[in-house]
Amino acid sequence: MQGIHLISNGRLTEKELDFVARNMELLDFFHLREKKKTAQEIADLADRLMDTDVPRERIIINDRVDVAHVKRCGGAQLAYHSLTIANVKACFPHLLVGKSVHSLAEALDAEQQGADYLLYGHIFPSNSKRGAEPRGVAALAELTRNVSLPVIAIGGIHTSNVHQVLAAGANGIAIMSGIWDAEDPVKALKHYRDVFDKVEGGVV
């Protein structure tokens, strides 16, 4: 699960779908996180991505394990309100199962239940978490030291702080507004890719 994870913004448009398809070589995974859409609508979005040659194994479906299974996507991302990791693993052993966690205790519990990776945050102040105290890099480092699972950091991650989260032990970064709210999303994504690869390669 290492790398750059782009998460949809809950209001995915035709233009944004096309953006994902045209720029998938710069991404490692794309998360369909469309909470207000029905299962069928999410399935249709997955189909449209796959019809434009986005590899199904690199598509992660948020919450809707049924859609992830039916469309044979790479995995499912579970939230606090989702089915338990243990239940999903028992019924759908072929799926990668990620869990969104916000503390070390939650991370340890998810690891014990059999999660394949963790999404942890928010690390820095974030537009989607206005007023909420960020967890910070120190808490991220403590978490990565105490779990054996890949950890994807999320929340306020920009090209200027990618090196901090990777130095704290994160295996990847998840981005939303850094792309969707960018004046030039393609240029922004290329910058993320360049910075991430340089940090991983020990250049920065």
Protein backbone atom coordinates (compact mmCIF):
# COMPACT_ATOMS: atom_id res chain seq x y z
CA MET A 1 0.00 0.00 0.00
CA GLN A 2 3.01 2.25 -0.19
CA GLY A 3 2.77 5.40 -2.25
CA ILE A 4 0.31 8.14 -3.11
CA HIS A 5 -3.39 7.59 -2.42
CA LEU A 6 -5.82 10.07 -3.99
CA ILE A 7 -9.21 10.18 -2.29
CA SER A 8 -12.32 11.42 -4.06
CA ASN A 9 -13.99 14.50 -2.65
CA GLY A 10 -17.55 13.27 -2.25
CA ARG A 11 -18.73 15.13 -5.34
CA LEU A 12 -16.84 13.42 -8.11
CA THR A 13 -17.53 14.95 -11.54
CA GLU A 14 -16.99 13.70 -15.09
CA LYS A 15 -13.99 16.02 -15.34
CA GLU A 16 -12.46 14.58 -12.17
CA LEU A 17 -13.05 11.01 -13.32
CA ASP A 18 -11.23 11.86 -16.53
CA PHE A 19 -8.42 13.42 -14.50
CA VAL A 20 -7.93 10.17 -12.54
CA ALA A 21 -7.92 8.07 -15.69
CA ARG A 22 -5.40 10.32 -17.47
CA ASN A 23 -3.05 10.60 -14.51
CA MET A 24 -3.14 7.16 -12.91
CA GLU A 25 0.55 6.67 -13.69
CA LEU A 26 1.25 9.32 -11.05
CA LEU A 27 -0.88 7.55 -8.43
CA ASP A 28 -0.57 4.27 -6.59
CA PHE A 29 -4.20 3.97 -5.47
CA PHE A 30 -7.46 5.83 -6.00
CA HIS A 31 -10.11 5.75 -3.25
CA LEU A 32 -13.76 6.10 -4.23
CA ARG A 33 -15.12 7.89 -1.16
CA GLU A 34 -18.57 9.07 -2.16
CA LYS A 35 -20.66 8.89 0.99
CA LYS A 36 -23.82 10.40 -0.47
CA LYS A 37 -23.99 8.09 -3.46
CA THR A 38 -25.83 4.78 -3.58
CA ALA A 39 -24.11 1.44 -3.99
CA GLN A 40 -25.17 1.36 -7.65
CA GLU A 41 -23.82 4.85 -8.28
CA ILE A 42 -20.48 3.92 -6.74
CA ALA A 43 -20.41 0.72 -8.80
CA ASP A 44 -21.07 2.77 -11.94
CA LEU A 45 -18.17 5.08 -11.07
CA ALA A 46 -15.90 2.09 -10.60
CA ASP A 47 -17.01 0.72 -13.98
CA ARG A 48 -16.28 4.02 -15.68
CA LEU A 49 -12.80 4.12 -14.17
CA MET A 50 -12.07 0.57 -15.27
CA ASP A 51 -13.49 1.29 -18.74
CA THR A 52 -10.79 3.96 -19.06
CA ASP A 53 -8.06 1.46 -18.13
CA VAL A 54 -7.69 2.29 -14.44
CA PRO A 55 -6.55 -1.07 -12.98
CA ARG A 56 -9.25 -2.52 -10.74
CA GLU A 57 -6.65 -3.65 -8.19
CA ARG A 58 -5.69 -0.02 -7.62
CA ILE A 59 -9.23 1.11 -6.85
CA ILE A 60 -10.23 1.18 -3.17
CA ILE A 61 -13.90 1.50 -2.26
CA ASN A 62 -14.75 3.43 0.89
CA ASP A 63 -17.14 1.60 3.26
CA ARG A 64 -19.11 -0.31 0.59
CA VAL A 65 -17.54 -3.74 0.85
CA ASP A 66 -20.32 -5.14 -1.34
CA VAL A 67 -19.31 -2.90 -4.23
CA ALA A 68 -15.61 -3.67 -3.76
CA HIS A 69 -16.41 -7.39 -3.91
CA VAL A 70 -18.84 -7.30 -6.84
CA LYS A 71 -16.55 -5.11 -8.94
CA ARG A 72 -13.45 -7.09 -7.87
CA CYS A 73 -11.65 -3.94 -6.80
CA GLY A 74 -8.38 -3.95 -4.91
CA GLY A 75 -9.82 -3.33 -1.50
CA ALA A 76 -12.20 -1.64 0.88
CA GLN A 77 -11.54 1.20 3.30
CA LEU A 78 -13.49 0.84 6.55
CA ALA A 79 -14.59 3.66 8.85
CA TYR A 80 -15.85 3.58 12.44
CA HIS A 81 -19.41 2.91 11.22
CA SER A 82 -18.45 0.18 8.75
CA LEU A 83 -18.62 -3.58 9.14
CA THR A 84 -15.92 -4.99 11.40
CA ILE A 85 -12.59 -5.96 9.91
CA ALA A 86 -13.02 -9.51 11.18
CA ASN A 87 -16.39 -9.91 9.44
CA VAL A 88 -15.11 -8.50 6.16
CA LYS A 89 -12.02 -10.68 6.24
CA ALA A 90 -14.06 -13.77 6.98
CA CYS A 91 -16.46 -13.19 4.08
CA PHE A 92 -14.15 -11.51 1.57
CA PRO A 93 -10.63 -12.84 2.19
CA HIS A 94 -9.46 -11.70 -1.25
CA LEU A 95 -9.98 -8.00 -0.46
CA LEU A 96 -7.34 -5.74 1.00
CA VAL A 97 -8.94 -4.17 4.04
CA GLY A 98 -7.88 -0.79 5.34
CA LYS A 99 -9.13 0.85 8.50
CA SER A 100 -9.31 4.55 9.28
CA VAL A 101 -7.92 5.13 12.78
CA HIS A 102 -7.35 8.17 14.94
CA SER A 103 -5.32 6.83 17.85
CA LEU A 104 -2.74 4.21 18.73
CA ALA A 105 -5.37 2.19 20.58
CA GLU A 106 -7.58 2.07 17.49
CA ALA A 107 -4.59 1.12 15.38
CA LEU A 108 -3.63 -1.76 17.64
CA ASP A 109 -7.22 -3.00 17.66
CA ALA A 110 -7.39 -2.86 13.85
CA GLU A 111 -4.12 -4.77 13.58
CA GLN A 112 -5.41 -7.46 15.95
CA GLN A 113 -8.59 -7.80 13.88
CA GLY A 114 -6.59 -8.45 10.73
CA ALA A 115 -6.47 -5.15 8.84
CA ASP A 116 -4.03 -5.02 5.94
CA TYR A 117 -3.16 -1.35 6.34
CA LEU A 118 -4.16 1.76 8.30
CA LEU A 119 -5.21 5.25 7.27
CA TYR A 120 -4.21 7.60 10.10
CA GLY A 121 -4.88 11.28 10.65
CA HIS A 122 -5.43 14.00 10.44
CA ILE A 123 -1.76 14.86 10.76
CA PHE A 124 -1.78 18.59 9.98
CA PRO A 125 -4.54 21.22 10.00
CA SER A 126 -6.97 20.32 7.23
CA ASN A 127 -9.77 22.08 5.37
CA SER A 128 -11.98 19.03 5.85
CA LYS A 129 -11.38 18.99 9.63
CA ARG A 130 -11.74 22.66 10.49
CA GLY A 131 -11.49 23.33 14.22
CA ALA A 132 -10.29 19.83 15.04
CA GLU A 133 -6.87 19.48 16.65
CA PRO A 134 -4.43 17.67 14.33
CA ARG A 135 -2.66 14.57 15.67
CA GLY A 136 0.75 15.75 14.54
CA VAL A 137 3.93 14.06 13.37
CA ALA A 138 5.02 12.90 16.84
CA ALA A 139 1.81 10.89 17.29
CA LEU A 140 2.25 9.43 13.80
CA ALA A 141 5.78 8.33 14.68
CA GLU A 142 4.58 6.70 17.90
CA LEU A 143 1.90 4.81 16.00
CA THR A 144 4.25 3.56 13.26
CA ARG A 145 6.70 2.33 15.91
CA ASN A 146 4.02 0.24 17.56
CA VAL A 147 2.25 -1.43 14.64
CA SER A 148 3.59 -3.71 11.93
CA LEU A 149 1.03 -2.67 9.30
CA PRO A 150 1.60 -0.15 6.51
CA VAL A 151 0.39 3.27 7.63
CA ILE A 152 -0.97 5.86 5.21
CA ALA A 153 -0.95 9.40 6.61
CA ILE A 154 -3.81 11.77 5.82
CA GLY A 155 -4.80 15.33 6.61
CA GLY A 156 -3.21 18.58 5.51
CA ILE A 157 -0.40 16.86 3.66
CA HIS A 158 1.31 19.13 1.15
CA THR A 159 4.51 18.80 -0.82
CA SER A 160 6.26 20.88 1.86
CA ASN A 161 5.60 18.32 4.61
CA VAL A 162 5.70 14.98 2.78
CA HIS A 163 9.23 14.41 4.09
CA GLN A 164 8.00 14.81 7.69
CA VAL A 165 5.35 12.07 7.47
CA LEU A 166 7.66 9.66 5.68
CA ALA A 167 10.41 10.33 8.21
CA ALA A 168 7.87 9.50 10.92
CA GLY A 169 7.45 6.03 9.43
CA ALA A 170 4.43 6.44 7.17
CA ASN A 171 4.44 4.18 4.11
CA GLY A 172 2.30 6.50 2.04
CA ILE A 173 0.29 9.69 1.88
CA ALA A 174 -3.40 10.28 1.20
CA ILE A 175 -4.39 13.53 -0.47
CA MET A 176 -7.67 15.27 -1.25
CA SER A 177 -7.81 19.06 -1.27
CA GLY A 178 -4.15 19.26 -2.29
CA ILE A 179 -5.32 18.02 -5.68
CA TRP A 180 -9.02 18.78 -6.00
CA ASP A 181 -8.66 22.38 -4.82
CA ALA A 182 -5.45 23.05 -6.75
CA GLU A 183 -5.47 25.67 -9.49
CA ASP A 184 -3.68 23.14 -11.72
CA PRO A 185 -4.39 19.60 -10.42
CA VAL A 186 -2.07 17.92 -12.93
CA LYS A 187 0.86 20.14 -12.00
CA ALA A 188 0.09 19.62 -8.30
CA LEU A 189 -0.03 15.84 -8.64
CA LYS A 190 3.24 15.77 -10.57
CA HIS A 191 4.82 17.81 -7.78
CA TYR A 192 3.55 15.35 -5.13
CA ARG A 193 4.91 12.43 -7.16
CA ASP A 194 8.29 14.07 -7.63
CA VAL A 195 8.65 14.97 -3.95
CA PHE A 196 7.44 11.57 -2.73
CA ASP A 197 9.82 9.67 -5.00
CA LYS A 198 12.77 11.86 -4.06
CA VAL A 199 12.14 11.43 -0.33
CA GLU A 200 11.69 7.68 -0.73
CA GLY A 201 14.86 7.52 -2.77
CA GLY A 202 16.81 9.42 -0.15
CA VAL A 203 17.37 12.44 -2.39
CA VAL A 204 15.72 14.90 0.04
